[in-house]
Protein backbone atom coordinates (compact mmCIF):
# COMPACT_ATOMS: atom_id res chain seq x y z
CA MET A 1 203.08 127.92 13.31
CA ALA A 2 203.34 129.65 17.08
CA PRO A 3 207.06 130.67 17.93
CA ARG A 4 207.71 128.48 21.31
CA TYR A 5 209.90 129.89 24.12
CA ASN A 6 212.76 128.33 25.06
CA PRO A 7 213.95 128.70 28.71
CA THR A 8 217.36 127.45 27.79
CA THR A 9 218.45 130.14 25.35
CA ASN A 10 215.49 132.91 26.97
CA ALA A 11 214.41 133.85 23.42
CA PHE A 12 211.26 132.56 21.57
CA VAL A 13 212.18 130.10 18.67
CA ARG A 14 210.16 130.33 15.59
CA VAL A 15 208.87 127.44 14.38
CA ASP A 16 207.94 127.77 10.89
CA PRO A 17 211.05 130.17 9.18
CA ASP A 18 208.22 131.37 6.24
CA ASN A 19 205.88 132.87 9.38
CA PRO A 20 208.15 135.70 10.38
CA ALA A 21 206.36 136.63 14.07
CA VAL A 22 207.51 139.10 16.52
CA MET A 23 208.36 138.65 20.12
CA GLN A 24 209.07 140.04 22.74
CA ILE A 25 210.95 139.79 26.68
CA ARG A 26 210.73 141.36 28.94
CA THR A 27 213.86 140.63 31.60
CA ARG A 28 215.26 142.03 34.89
CA VAL A 29 218.31 142.26 35.22
CA THR A 30 220.58 142.93 38.21
CA ILE A 31 222.99 145.97 37.98
CA ALA A 32 226.01 143.27 39.24
CA GLN A 33 225.39 142.22 35.87
CA VAL A 34 224.92 144.94 33.24
CA ASN A 35 227.93 145.73 34.98
CA ALA A 36 229.43 142.36 34.13
CA GLY A 37 227.46 141.98 30.92
CA LEU A 38 224.98 139.46 29.83
CA THR A 39 223.08 137.47 27.24
CA LEU A 40 219.63 138.73 27.06
CA LEU A 41 218.65 137.10 23.82
CA ALA A 42 221.32 134.02 23.11
CA ALA A 43 222.10 133.06 19.66
CA VAL A 44 219.39 131.05 17.80
CA PRO A 45 221.58 128.65 15.01
CA GLY A 46 220.74 129.69 11.68
CA TYR A 47 218.81 132.91 12.38
CA ALA A 48 219.69 136.64 12.58
CA TYR A 49 217.70 138.97 15.42
CA ARG A 50 216.18 142.18 14.02
CA VAL A 51 215.09 144.02 17.53
CA ILE A 52 212.01 145.99 16.33
CA ASP A 53 212.08 148.50 19.51
CA CYS A 54 213.31 148.31 22.95
CA ALA A 55 213.17 150.15 26.36
CA LEU A 56 214.25 150.61 29.58
CA ILE A 57 213.45 151.31 33.35
CA ALA A 58 215.93 151.68 36.59
CA ILE A 59 214.14 150.19 39.39
CA GLY A 60 215.52 150.22 43.23
CA GLY A 61 216.97 154.01 41.96
CA ALA A 62 218.49 155.78 39.43
CA VAL A 63 221.58 154.28 38.09
CA THR A 64 224.14 156.06 38.95
CA GLY A 65 228.24 155.68 37.99
CA ALA A 66 228.84 154.66 35.12
CA THR A 67 228.21 156.43 31.25
CA ASP A 68 225.71 154.70 29.47
CA VAL A 69 223.73 150.97 29.76
CA ARG A 70 224.27 149.13 25.91
CA ILE A 71 221.97 147.21 24.25
CA LEU A 72 224.50 145.76 21.97
CA GLY A 73 224.15 143.15 18.71
CA THR A 74 226.68 142.15 16.21
CA ARG A 75 226.37 143.29 12.83
CA THR A 76 229.32 142.14 9.59
CA ALA A 77 231.77 140.58 12.37
CA GLY A 78 231.90 143.31 14.75
CA SER A 79 229.93 144.71 17.81
CA VAL A 80 227.08 147.53 17.05
CA ALA A 81 225.20 149.39 20.02
CA LEU A 82 221.64 149.21 19.12
CA LEU A 83 220.78 151.33 21.96
CA VAL A 84 223.19 153.74 23.48
CA ALA A 85 220.83 155.24 26.77
CA ALA A 86 222.71 157.58 28.93
CA VAL A 87 222.52 156.98 32.73
CA ALA A 88 221.11 160.86 33.25
CA ALA A 89 217.60 159.71 31.90
CA LEU A 90 218.21 155.87 33.88
CA THR A 91 215.83 157.72 36.79
CA GLN A 92 213.38 155.33 38.82
CA SER A 93 210.49 154.33 37.48
CA ALA A 94 211.10 156.48 34.04
CA LEU A 95 210.42 154.42 30.99
CA LEU A 96 213.22 155.22 28.29
CA ARG A 97 212.17 154.28 24.43
CA ALA A 98 214.28 154.03 21.81
CA GLY A 99 215.23 157.47 20.34
CA ALA A 100 213.77 159.15 23.10
CA ALA A 101 216.48 162.25 24.75
CA ASN A 102 219.44 160.30 26.07
CA ALA A 103 218.50 156.88 24.38
CA VAL A 104 220.82 156.88 20.87
CA LEU A 105 219.84 154.81 18.06
CA LEU A 106 222.21 153.84 15.21
CA ALA A 107 221.82 156.38 12.08
CA ASP A 108 219.28 155.83 9.81
CA GLY A 109 217.60 153.27 11.55
CA ALA A 110 220.07 150.54 11.03
CA SER A 111 219.70 149.61 15.05
CA PHE A 112 216.32 148.07 13.71
CA THR A 113 217.65 146.25 10.58
CA PRO A 114 218.83 142.75 10.78
CA LEU A 115 221.77 141.51 12.91
CA ASP A 116 225.08 138.54 11.91
CA ALA A 117 222.96 135.12 11.86
CA ASN A 118 224.22 133.05 14.62
CA THR A 119 224.59 135.91 17.48
CA ALA A 120 223.42 137.13 20.60
CA VAL A 121 222.10 140.53 21.89
CA THR A 122 223.37 141.19 24.57
CA ILE A 123 223.03 144.03 27.65
CA GLY A 124 226.37 146.17 29.21
CA LYS A 125 227.58 149.33 30.32
CA THR A 126 230.86 151.98 29.36
CA GLY A 127 232.38 154.41 31.84
CA GLY A 128 232.46 153.05 35.64
CA THR A 129 230.69 150.73 37.90
CA GLY A 130 227.17 150.87 37.29
CA ALA A 131 225.87 151.76 40.94
CA THR A 132 222.94 152.76 42.80
CA ALA A 133 219.66 151.10 40.77
CA THR A 134 219.39 147.42 41.93
CA HIS A 135 217.97 146.60 38.46
CA VAL A 136 217.31 147.48 35.06
CA ASP A 137 214.14 146.38 33.12
CA VAL A 138 214.30 145.47 30.23
CA ILE A 139 212.32 145.38 27.34
CA LEU A 140 212.60 144.08 23.73
CA THR A 141 210.27 143.43 20.88
CA TYR A 142 212.31 141.37 17.60
CA ALA A 143 212.13 139.02 15.17
CA LEU A 144 214.10 136.18 13.58
CA GLU A 145 214.56 136.02 10.33
């Protein structure tokens, strides 16, 4: 069975748990939402997300002010930074892919292993307040397991 999009959770939900499916979202997040922290993929009861790939694009200018922008998940009940994107690399319209220069992943490919079941994937920042860019596009490829 094909995955179905659930607009409430902003995620695709696999209807047949025996048929793995790769899904992708591209969402435009305001810089205010990055500063406050925003859920990209809401928790799906009984399932764990496994990130396969992610990329970021700064829109309306370069991201400034913050130290980095992060894609976050939960593993063994603790927060993990699946992608840490230094703001120096978040220049306007540039595609910043996971694993590229200034786009740090967890050691030994751990960014691409399953997260805890029943947990969300979010975006946030560290350091000062993110500014200048109006938005950050997030392209997230993932599976539900």
